[in-house]
């Protein structure tokens, strides 16, 4: 079951950090946010066809298994600043 562990605004974008913990020790992290700006996506976005247009308000997900991986993915895939990604990932360390 997904549980929201943080909700707020980071880098002028709405952010929800969710955690999935299945009691077997497997943990997944997901950030639900928007793209923040109108853009044409390249082939580097998982599950998206290169050249697909998106609106700033379209929903996107950034997934990871660890807070460190989440921070990197937020920068590389989510377009967050390093400081913003660090702020979001810091909430993933909470029990």
PDB file of N, CA and C in Angstrom:
ATOM      1  N   UNK A   1       0.837  -1.171   0.000  1.00  0.00           N
ATOM      2  CA  UNK A   1       0.000   0.000   0.000  1.00  0.00           C
ATOM      3  C   UNK A   1       0.890   1.245   0.000  1.00  0.00           C
ATOM      4  N   UNK A   2       0.558   2.204  -0.853  1.00  0.00           N
ATOM      5  CA  UNK A   2       1.309   3.456  -0.931  1.00  0.00           C
ATOM      6  C   UNK A   2       0.885   4.388   0.193  1.00  0.00           C
ATOM      7  N   UNK A   3       1.871   4.994   0.848  1.00  0.00           N
ATOM      8  CA  UNK A   3       1.622   5.918   1.944  1.00  0.00           C
ATOM      9  C   UNK A   3       2.356   7.229   1.642  1.00  0.00           C
ATOM     10  N   UNK A   4       1.662   8.354   1.720  1.00  0.00           N
ATOM     11  CA  UNK A   4       2.293   9.653   1.498  1.00  0.00           C
ATOM     12  C   UNK A   4       3.123  10.009   2.725  1.00  0.00           C
ATOM     13  N   UNK A   5       4.421  10.296   2.500  1.00  0.00           N
ATOM     14  CA  UNK A   5       5.308  10.661   3.600  1.00  0.00           C
ATOM     15  C   UNK A   5       5.697  12.145   3.563  1.00  0.00           C
ATOM     16  N   UNK A   6       5.424  12.809   2.440  1.00  0.00           N
ATOM     17  CA  UNK A   6       5.696  14.240   2.329  1.00  0.00           C
ATOM     18  C   UNK A   6       4.812  14.810   1.231  1.00  0.00           C
ATOM     19  N   UNK A   7       4.261  15.976   1.488  1.00  0.00           N
ATOM     20  CA  UNK A   7       3.512  16.720   0.469  1.00  0.00           C
ATOM     21  C   UNK A   7       3.845  18.189   0.648  1.00  0.00           C
ATOM     22  N   UNK A   8       4.210  18.833  -0.438  1.00  0.00           N
ATOM     23  CA  UNK A   8       4.565  20.251  -0.368  1.00  0.00           C
ATOM     24  C   UNK A   8       4.927  20.787  -1.733  1.00  0.00           C
ATOM     25  N   UNK A   9       5.628  21.899  -1.746  1.00  0.00           N
ATOM     26  CA  UNK A   9       6.077  22.532  -2.983  1.00  0.00           C
ATOM     27  C   UNK A   9       7.594  22.639  -2.954  1.00  0.00           C
ATOM     28  N   UNK A  10       8.238  22.156  -4.011  1.00  0.00           N
ATOM     29  CA  UNK A  10       9.687  22.218  -4.144  1.00  0.00           C
ATOM     30  C   UNK A  10       9.995  22.695  -5.554  1.00  0.00           C
ATOM     31  N   UNK A  11      10.902  23.641  -5.691  1.00  0.00           N
ATOM     32  CA  UNK A  11      11.236  24.216  -7.004  1.00  0.00           C
ATOM     33  C   UNK A  11       9.982  24.713  -7.719  1.00  0.00           C
ATOM     34  N   UNK A  12       9.065  25.297  -6.964  1.00  0.00           N
ATOM     35  CA  UNK A  12       7.801  25.835  -7.487  1.00  0.00           C
ATOM     36  C   UNK A  12       6.926  24.777  -8.155  1.00  0.00           C
ATOM     37  N   UNK A  13       7.084  23.520  -7.730  1.00  0.00           N
ATOM     38  CA  UNK A  13       6.271  22.422  -8.262  1.00  0.00           C
ATOM     39  C   UNK A  13       5.634  21.667  -7.105  1.00  0.00           C
ATOM     40  N   UNK A  14       4.376  21.220  -7.291  1.00  0.00           N
ATOM     41  CA  UNK A  14       3.750  20.409  -6.241  1.00  0.00           C
ATOM     42  C   UNK A  14       4.434  19.042  -6.187  1.00  0.00           C
ATOM     43  N   UNK A  15       4.664  18.559  -4.980  1.00  0.00           N
ATOM     44  CA  UNK A  15       5.378  17.297  -4.794  1.00  0.00           C
ATOM     45  C   UNK A  15       4.644  16.453  -3.764  1.00  0.00           C
ATOM     46  N   UNK A  16       4.450  15.173  -4.090  1.00  0.00           N
ATOM     47  CA  UNK A  16       4.001  14.177  -3.117  1.00  0.00           C
ATOM     48  C   UNK A  16       5.019  13.054  -3.156  1.00  0.00           C
ATOM     49  N   UNK A  17       5.636  12.781  -2.027  1.00  0.00           N
ATOM     50  CA  UNK A  17       6.553  11.655  -1.910  1.00  0.00           C
ATOM     51  C   UNK A  17       5.791  10.523  -1.256  1.00  0.00           C
ATOM     52  N   UNK A  18       5.747   9.379  -1.935  1.00  0.00           N
ATOM     53  CA  UNK A  18       5.030   8.212  -1.417  1.00  0.00           C
ATOM     54  C   UNK A  18       6.002   7.059  -1.240  1.00  0.00           C
ATOM     55  N   UNK A  19       5.681   6.218  -0.247  1.00  0.00           N
ATOM     56  CA  UNK A  19       6.498   5.052   0.038  1.00  0.00           C
ATOM     57  C   UNK A  19       5.613   3.813  -0.020  1.00  0.00           C
ATOM     58  N   UNK A  20       6.146   2.761  -0.618  1.00  0.00           N
ATOM     59  CA  UNK A  20       5.465   1.470  -0.628  1.00  0.00           C
ATOM     60  C   UNK A  20       6.349   0.503   0.128  1.00  0.00           C
ATOM     61  N   UNK A  21       5.817  -0.080   1.184  1.00  0.00           N
ATOM     62  CA  UNK A  21       6.557  -1.044   1.979  1.00  0.00           C
ATOM     63  C   UNK A  21       5.656  -2.254   2.164  1.00  0.00           C
ATOM     64  N   UNK A  22       6.093  -3.397   1.651  1.00  0.00           N
ATOM     65  CA  UNK A  22       5.230  -4.582   1.644  1.00  0.00           C
ATOM     66  C   UNK A  22       5.478  -5.543   2.811  1.00  0.00           C
ATOM     67  N   UNK A  23       6.144  -5.101   3.862  1.00  0.00           N
ATOM     68  CA  UNK A  23       6.434  -5.905   5.047  1.00  0.00           C
ATOM     69  C   UNK A  23       7.442  -7.019   4.792  1.00  0.00           C
ATOM     70  N   UNK A  24       7.905  -7.188   3.564  1.00  0.00           N
ATOM     71  CA  UNK A  24       8.948  -8.167   3.257  1.00  0.00           C
ATOM     72  C   UNK A  24      10.301  -7.485   3.135  1.00  0.00           C
ATOM     73  N   UNK A  25      10.351  -6.212   3.471  1.00  0.00           N
ATOM     74  CA  UNK A  25      11.596  -5.468   3.371  1.00  0.00           C
ATOM     75  C   UNK A  25      11.766  -4.728   2.058  1.00  0.00           C
ATOM     76  N   UNK A  26      10.956  -5.058   1.061  1.00  0.00           N
ATOM     77  CA  UNK A  26      11.041  -4.355  -0.221  1.00  0.00           C
ATOM     78  C   UNK A  26      10.415  -2.974  -0.059  1.00  0.00           C
ATOM     79  N   UNK A  27      11.134  -1.950  -0.474  1.00  0.00           N
ATOM     80  CA  UNK A  27      10.664  -0.580  -0.316  1.00  0.00           C
ATOM     81  C   UNK A  27      10.781   0.128  -1.655  1.00  0.00           C
ATOM     82  N   UNK A  28       9.746   0.819  -2.032  1.00  0.00           N
ATOM     83  CA  UNK A  28       9.763   1.621  -3.250  1.00  0.00           C
ATOM     84  C   UNK A  28       9.381   3.049  -2.888  1.00  0.00           C
ATOM     85  N   UNK A  29       9.985   3.983  -3.586  1.00  0.00           N
ATOM     86  CA  UNK A  29       9.692   5.397  -3.396  1.00  0.00           C
ATOM     87  C   UNK A  29       9.170   5.965  -4.701  1.00  0.00           C
ATOM     88  N   UNK A  30       8.212   6.869  -4.603  1.00  0.00           N
ATOM     89  CA  UNK A  30       7.650   7.494  -5.801  1.00  0.00           C
ATOM     90  C   UNK A  30       7.349   8.961  -5.496  1.00  0.00           C
ATOM     91  N   UNK A  31       7.775   9.827  -6.401  1.00  0.00           N
ATOM     92  CA  UNK A  31       7.415  11.233  -6.318  1.00  0.00           C
ATOM     93  C   UNK A  31       6.403  11.515  -7.418  1.00  0.00           C
ATOM     94  N   UNK A  32       5.263  12.059  -7.023  1.00  0.00           N
ATOM     95  CA  UNK A  32       4.254  12.514  -7.969  1.00  0.00           C
ATOM     96  C   UNK A  32       4.366  14.026  -8.041  1.00  0.00           C
ATOM     97  N   UNK A  33       4.517  14.540  -9.239  1.00  0.00           N
ATOM     98  CA  UNK A  33       4.685  15.975  -9.442  1.00  0.00           C
ATOM     99  C   UNK A  33       4.175  16.328 -10.831  1.00  0.00           C
ATOM    100  N   UNK A  34       4.502  17.532 -11.295  1.00  0.00           N
ATOM    101  CA  UNK A  34       4.195  17.894 -12.666  1.00  0.00           C
ATOM    102  C   UNK A  34       5.504  18.201 -13.393  1.00  0.00           C
ATOM    103  N   UNK A  35       5.426  18.445 -14.683  1.00  0.00           N
ATOM    104  CA  UNK A  35       6.634  18.685 -15.469  1.00  0.00           C
ATOM    105  C   UNK A  35       7.236  20.068 -15.226  1.00  0.00           C
ATOM    106  N   UNK A  36       6.459  21.003 -14.703  1.00  0.00           N
ATOM    107  CA  UNK A  36       6.983  22.312 -14.364  1.00  0.00           C
ATOM    108  C   UNK A  36       7.108  23.281 -15.518  1.00  0.00           C
ATOM    109  N   UNK A  37       7.169  22.780 -16.732  1.00  0.00           N
ATOM    110  CA  UNK A  37       7.233  23.643 -17.915  1.00  0.00           C
ATOM    111  C   UNK A  37       6.773  22.857 -19.132  1.00  0.00           C
ATOM    112  N   UNK A  38       6.172  23.562 -20.088  1.00  0.00           N
ATOM    113  CA  UNK A  38       5.786  22.914 -21.339  1.00  0.00           C
ATOM    114  C   UNK A  38       7.064  22.472 -22.040  1.00  0.00           C
ATOM    115  N   UNK A  39       7.063  21.268 -22.589  1.00  0.00           N
ATOM    116  CA  UNK A  39       8.266  20.774 -23.249  1.00  0.00           C
ATOM    117  C   UNK A  39       7.954  19.627 -24.202  1.00  0.00           C
ATOM    118  N   UNK A  40       8.923  19.325 -25.011  1.00  0.00           N
ATOM    119  CA  UNK A  40       8.877  18.157 -25.890  1.00  0.00           C
ATOM    120  C   UNK A  40       9.856  17.155 -25.290  1.00  0.00           C
ATOM    121  N   UNK A  41       9.356  15.984 -24.931  1.00  0.00           N
ATOM    122  CA  UNK A  41      10.189  14.990 -24.264  1.00  0.00           C
ATOM    123  C   UNK A  41      11.094  14.274 -25.248  1.00  0.00           C
ATOM    124  N   UNK A  42      12.288  13.953 -24.775  1.00  0.00           N
ATOM    125  CA  UNK A  42      13.232  13.169 -25.562  1.00  0.00           C
ATOM    126  C   UNK A  42      13.091  11.704 -25.233  1.00  0.00           C
ATOM    127  N   UNK A  43      13.931  10.888 -25.820  1.00  0.00           N
ATOM    128  CA  UNK A  43      13.885   9.448 -25.609  1.00  0.00           C
ATOM    129  C   UNK A  43      14.463   9.007 -24.286  1.00  0.00           C
ATOM    130  N   UNK A  44      14.925   9.955 -23.455  1.00  0.00           N
ATOM    131  CA  UNK A  44      15.541   9.598 -22.182  1.00  0.00           C
ATOM    132  C   UNK A  44      14.530   9.421 -21.047  1.00  0.00           C
ATOM    133  N   UNK A  45      13.248   9.650 -21.334  1.00  0.00           N
ATOM    134  CA  UNK A  45      12.220   9.492 -20.313  1.00  0.00           C
ATOM    135  C   UNK A  45      11.604   8.102 -20.452  1.00  0.00           C
ATOM    136  N   UNK A  46      11.716   7.268 -19.394  1.00  0.00           N
ATOM    137  CA  UNK A  46      11.200   5.899 -19.479  1.00  0.00           C
ATOM    138  C   UNK A  46       9.707   5.856 -19.809  1.00  0.00           C
ATOM    139  N   UNK A  47       9.352   5.008 -20.758  1.00  0.00           N
ATOM    140  CA  UNK A  47       7.953   4.804 -21.102  1.00  0.00           C
ATOM    141  C   UNK A  47       7.333   5.895 -21.952  1.00  0.00           C
ATOM    142  N   UNK A  48       8.148   6.811 -22.467  1.00  0.00           N
ATOM    143  CA  UNK A  48       7.619   7.919 -23.266  1.00  0.00           C
ATOM    144  C   UNK A  48       8.281   7.917 -24.635  1.00  0.00           C
ATOM    145  N   UNK A  49       7.480   8.103 -25.660  1.00  0.00           N
ATOM    146  CA  UNK A  49       7.983   8.163 -27.027  1.00  0.00           C
ATOM    147  C   UNK A  49       8.664   9.506 -27.237  1.00  0.00           C
ATOM    148  N   UNK A  50       9.857   9.490 -27.808  1.00  0.00           N
ATOM    149  CA  UNK A  50      10.593  10.727 -28.070  1.00  0.00           C
ATOM    150  C   UNK A  50       9.749  11.659 -28.932  1.00  0.00           C
ATOM    151  N   UNK A  51       9.760  12.928 -28.591  1.00  0.00           N
ATOM    152  CA  UNK A  51       9.014  13.933 -29.339  1.00  0.00           C
ATOM    153  C   UNK A  51       7.616  14.172 -28.820  1.00  0.00           C
ATOM    154  N   UNK A  52       7.245  13.523 -27.710  1.00  0.00           N
ATOM    155  CA  UNK A  52       5.906  13.695 -27.155  1.00  0.00           C
ATOM    156  C   UNK A  52       5.814  15.038 -26.425  1.00  0.00           C
ATOM    157  N   UNK A  53       4.830  15.865 -26.778  1.00  0.00           N
ATOM    158  CA  UNK A  53       4.675  17.143 -26.070  1.00  0.00           C
ATOM    159  C   UNK A  53       3.955  16.939 -24.736  1.00  0.00           C
ATOM    160  N   UNK A  54       4.380  17.668 -23.714  1.00  0.00           N
ATOM    161  CA  UNK A  54       3.705  17.629 -22.423  1.00  0.00           C
ATOM    162  C   UNK A  54       3.485  19.051 -21.934  1.00  0.00           C
ATOM    163  N   UNK A  55       2.420  19.220 -21.203  1.00  0.00           N
ATOM    164  CA  UNK A  55       2.104  20.502 -20.589  1.00  0.00           C
ATOM    165  C   UNK A  55       2.818  20.595 -19.246  1.00  0.00           C
ATOM    166  N   UNK A  56       3.077  21.804 -18.793  1.00  0.00           N
ATOM    167  CA  UNK A  56       3.707  22.024 -17.493  1.00  0.00           C
ATOM    168  C   UNK A  56       2.918  21.364 -16.376  1.00  0.00           C
ATOM    169  N   UNK A  57       1.600  21.276 -16.533  1.00  0.00           N
ATOM    170  CA  UNK A  57       0.743  20.736 -15.481  1.00  0.00           C
ATOM    171  C   UNK A  57       0.504  19.234 -15.578  1.00  0.00           C
ATOM    172  N   UNK A  58       1.016  18.570 -16.629  1.00  0.00           N
ATOM    173  CA  UNK A  58       0.843  17.121 -16.746  1.00  0.00           C
ATOM    174  C   UNK A  58       1.553  16.411 -15.600  1.00  0.00           C
ATOM    175  N   UNK A  59       0.950  15.337 -15.124  1.00  0.00           N
ATOM    176  CA  UNK A  59       1.506  14.577 -14.008  1.00  0.00           C
ATOM    177  C   UNK A  59       2.634  13.668 -14.471  1.00  0.00           C
ATOM    178  N   UNK A  60       3.670  13.604 -13.656  1.00  0.00           N
ATOM    179  CA  UNK A  60       4.773  12.672 -13.901  1.00  0.00           C
ATOM    180  C   UNK A  60       5.115  11.972 -12.595  1.00  0.00           C
ATOM    181  N   UNK A  61       5.722  10.791 -12.717  1.00  0.00           N
ATOM    182  CA  UNK A  61       6.185  10.028 -11.556  1.00  0.00           C
ATOM    183  C   UNK A  61       7.683   9.805 -11.696  1.00  0.00           C
ATOM    184  N   UNK A  62       8.371   9.888 -10.578  1.00  0.00           N
ATOM    185  CA  UNK A  62       9.793   9.549 -10.523  1.00  0.00           C
ATOM    186  C   UNK A  62       9.920   8.481  -9.443  1.00  0.00           C
ATOM    187  N   UNK A  63      10.414   7.302  -9.822  1.00  0.00           N
ATOM    188  CA  UNK A  63      10.489   6.160  -8.916  1.00  0.00           C
ATOM    189  C   UNK A  63      11.935   5.820  -8.553  1.00  0.00           C
ATOM    190  N   UNK A  64      12.107   5.177  -7.402  1.00  0.00           N
ATOM    191  CA  UNK A  64      13.423   4.728  -6.951  1.00  0.00           C
ATOM    192  C   UNK A  64      13.240   3.728  -5.812  1.00  0.00           C
ATOM    193  N   UNK A  65      14.332   3.043  -5.476  1.00  0.00           N
ATOM    194  CA  UNK A  65      14.314   2.087  -4.368  1.00  0.00           C
ATOM    195  C   UNK A  65      14.990   2.633  -3.120  1.00  0.00           C
ATOM    196  N   UNK A  66      15.860   3.635  -3.291  1.00  0.00           N
ATOM    197  CA  UNK A  66      16.573   4.213  -2.158  1.00  0.00           C
ATOM    198  C   UNK A  66      16.500   5.735  -2.240  1.00  0.00           C
ATOM    199  N   UNK A  67      16.696   6.415  -1.119  1.00  0.00           N
ATOM    200  CA  UNK A  67      16.720   7.873  -1.152  1.00  0.00           C
ATOM    201  C   UNK A  67      17.821   8.428  -2.070  1.00  0.00           C
ATOM    202  N   UNK A  68      18.975   7.756  -2.101  1.00  0.00           N
ATOM    203  CA  UNK A  68      20.070   8.206  -2.970  1.00  0.00           C
ATOM    204  C   UNK A  68      19.676   8.110  -4.448  1.00  0.00           C
ATOM    205  N   UNK A  69      19.074   6.993  -4.809  1.00  0.00           N
ATOM    206  CA  UNK A  69      18.619   6.800  -6.187  1.00  0.00           C
ATOM    207  C   UNK A  69      17.518   7.798  -6.525  1.00  0.00           C
ATOM    208  N   UNK A  70      16.642   8.058  -5.566  1.00  0.00           N
ATOM    209  CA  UNK A  70      15.568   9.021  -5.788  1.00  0.00           C
ATOM    210  C   UNK A  70      16.137  10.409  -6.077  1.00  0.00           C
ATOM    211  N   UNK A  71      17.116  10.819  -5.295  1.00  0.00           N
ATOM    212  CA  UNK A  71      17.729  12.133  -5.499  1.00  0.00           C
ATOM    213  C   UNK A  71      18.313  12.256  -6.904  1.00  0.00           C
ATOM    214  N   UNK A  72      19.042  11.241  -7.341  1.00  0.00           N
ATOM    215  CA  UNK A  72      19.610  11.252  -8.700  1.00  0.00           C
ATOM    216  C   UNK A  72      18.526  11.282  -9.769  1.00  0.00           C
ATOM    217  N   UNK A  73      17.488  10.453  -9.600  1.00  0.00           N
ATOM    218  CA  UNK A  73      16.409  10.393 -10.590  1.00  0.00           C
ATOM    219  C   UNK A  73      15.621  11.696 -10.654  1.00  0.00           C
ATOM    220  N   UNK A  74      15.465  12.361  -9.508  1.00  0.00           N
ATOM    221  CA  UNK A  74      14.748  13.636  -9.502  1.00  0.00           C
ATOM    222  C   UNK A  74      15.494  14.693 -10.311  1.00  0.00           C
ATOM    223  N   UNK A  75      16.815  14.649 -10.275  1.00  0.00           N
ATOM    224  CA  UNK A  75      17.614  15.596 -11.049  1.00  0.00           C
ATOM    225  C   UNK A  75      17.607  15.208 -12.530  1.00  0.00           C
ATOM    226  N   UNK A  76      17.941  13.938 -12.811  1.00  0.00           N
ATOM    227  CA  UNK A  76      18.114  13.478 -14.192  1.00  0.00           C
ATOM    228  C   UNK A  76      16.798  13.332 -14.948  1.00  0.00           C
ATOM    229  N   UNK A  77      15.788  12.761 -14.303  1.00  0.00           N
ATOM    230  CA  UNK A  77      14.525  12.486 -14.994  1.00  0.00           C
ATOM    231  C   UNK A  77      13.446  13.514 -14.672  1.00  0.00           C
ATOM    232  N   UNK A  78      13.499  14.068 -13.472  1.00  0.00           N
ATOM    233  CA  UNK A  78      12.438  14.969 -13.030  1.00  0.00           C
ATOM    234  C   UNK A  78      12.706  16.436 -13.265  1.00  0.00           C
ATOM    235  N   UNK A  79      13.960  16.790 -13.580  1.00  0.00           N
ATOM    236  CA  UNK A  79      14.285  18.182 -13.843  1.00  0.00           C
ATOM    237  C   UNK A  79      14.352  19.065 -12.606  1.00  0.00           C
ATOM    238  N   UNK A  80      14.507  18.465 -11.437  1.00  0.00           N
ATOM    239  CA  UNK A  80      14.626  19.249 -10.212  1.00  0.00           C
ATOM    240  C   UNK A  80      16.053  19.748 -10.042  1.00  0.00           C
ATOM    241  N   UNK A  81      16.209  20.848  -9.325  1.00  0.00           N
ATOM    242  CA  UNK A  81      17.540  21.345  -8.989  1.00  0.00           C
ATOM    243  C   UNK A  81      18.169  20.373  -7.995  1.00  0.00           C
ATOM    244  N   UNK A  82      19.506  20.360  -7.892  1.00  0.00           N
ATOM    245  CA  UNK A  82      20.141  19.494  -6.894  1.00  0.00           C
ATOM    246  C   UNK A  82      19.647  19.777  -5.472  1.00  0.00           C
ATOM    247  N   UNK A  83      19.459  21.048  -5.125  1.00  0.00           N
ATOM    248  CA  UNK A  83      18.970  21.388  -3.790  1.00  0.00           C
ATOM    249  C   UNK A  83      17.534  20.893  -3.585  1.00  0.00           C
ATOM    250  N   UNK A  84      16.689  21.039  -4.609  1.00  0.00           N
ATOM    251  CA  UNK A  84      15.307  20.571  -4.528  1.00  0.00           C
ATOM    252  C   UNK A  84      15.234  19.061  -4.403  1.00  0.00           C
ATOM    253  N   UNK A  85      16.043  18.359  -5.191  1.00  0.00           N
ATOM    254  CA  UNK A  85      16.068  16.898  -5.137  1.00  0.00           C
ATOM    255  C   UNK A  85      16.537  16.424  -3.767  1.00  0.00           C
ATOM    256  N   UNK A  86      17.547  17.081  -3.218  1.00  0.00           N
ATOM    257  CA  UNK A  86      18.059  16.727  -1.894  1.00  0.00           C
ATOM    258  C   UNK A  86      16.985  16.945  -0.825  1.00  0.00           C
ATOM    259  N   UNK A  87      16.239  18.043  -0.937  1.00  0.00           N
ATOM    260  CA  UNK A  87      15.169  18.326   0.019  1.00  0.00           C
ATOM    261  C   UNK A  87      14.091  17.236  -0.013  1.00  0.00           C
ATOM    262  N   UNK A  88      13.665  16.844  -1.223  1.00  0.00           N
ATOM    263  CA  UNK A  88      12.642  15.799  -1.351  1.00  0.00           C
ATOM    264  C   UNK A  88      13.157  14.472  -0.812  1.00  0.00           C
ATOM    265  N   UNK A  89      14.363  14.079  -1.234  1.00  0.00           N
ATOM    266  CA  UNK A  89      14.925  12.793  -0.814  1.00  0.00           C
ATOM    267  C   UNK A  89      15.154  12.737   0.695  1.00  0.00           C
ATOM    268  N   UNK A  90      15.387  13.878   1.321  1.00  0.00           N
ATOM    269  CA  UNK A  90      15.625  13.877   2.767  1.00  0.00           C
ATOM    270  C   UNK A  90      14.409  13.360   3.529  1.00  0.00           C
ATOM    271  N   UNK A  91      13.223  13.539   2.979  1.00  0.00           N
ATOM    272  CA  UNK A  91      12.005  13.044   3.628  1.00  0.00           C
ATOM    273  C   UNK A  91      11.872  11.523   3.510  1.00  0.00           C
ATOM    274  N   UNK A  92      12.584  10.918   2.575  1.00  0.00           N
ATOM    275  CA  UNK A  92      12.535   9.464   2.393  1.00  0.00           C
ATOM    276  C   UNK A  92      13.319   8.735   3.486  1.00  0.00           C
ATOM    277  N   UNK A  93      14.150   9.460   4.226  1.00  0.00           N
ATOM    278  CA  UNK A  93      14.927   8.839   5.296  1.00  0.00           C
ATOM    279  C   UNK A  93      14.096   8.670   6.554  1.00  0.00           C
ATOM    280  N   UNK A  94      12.961   9.350   6.606  1.00  0.00           N
ATOM    281  CA  UNK A  94      12.134   9.282   7.806  1.00  0.00           C
ATOM    282  C   UNK A  94      11.534   7.889   7.962  1.00  0.00           C
ATOM    283  N   UNK A  95      11.409   7.406   9.202  1.00  0.00           N
ATOM    284  CA  UNK A  95      10.866   6.050   9.409  1.00  0.00           C
ATOM    285  C   UNK A  95       9.409   5.954   9.026  1.00  0.00           C
TER     286      UNK A  95
END
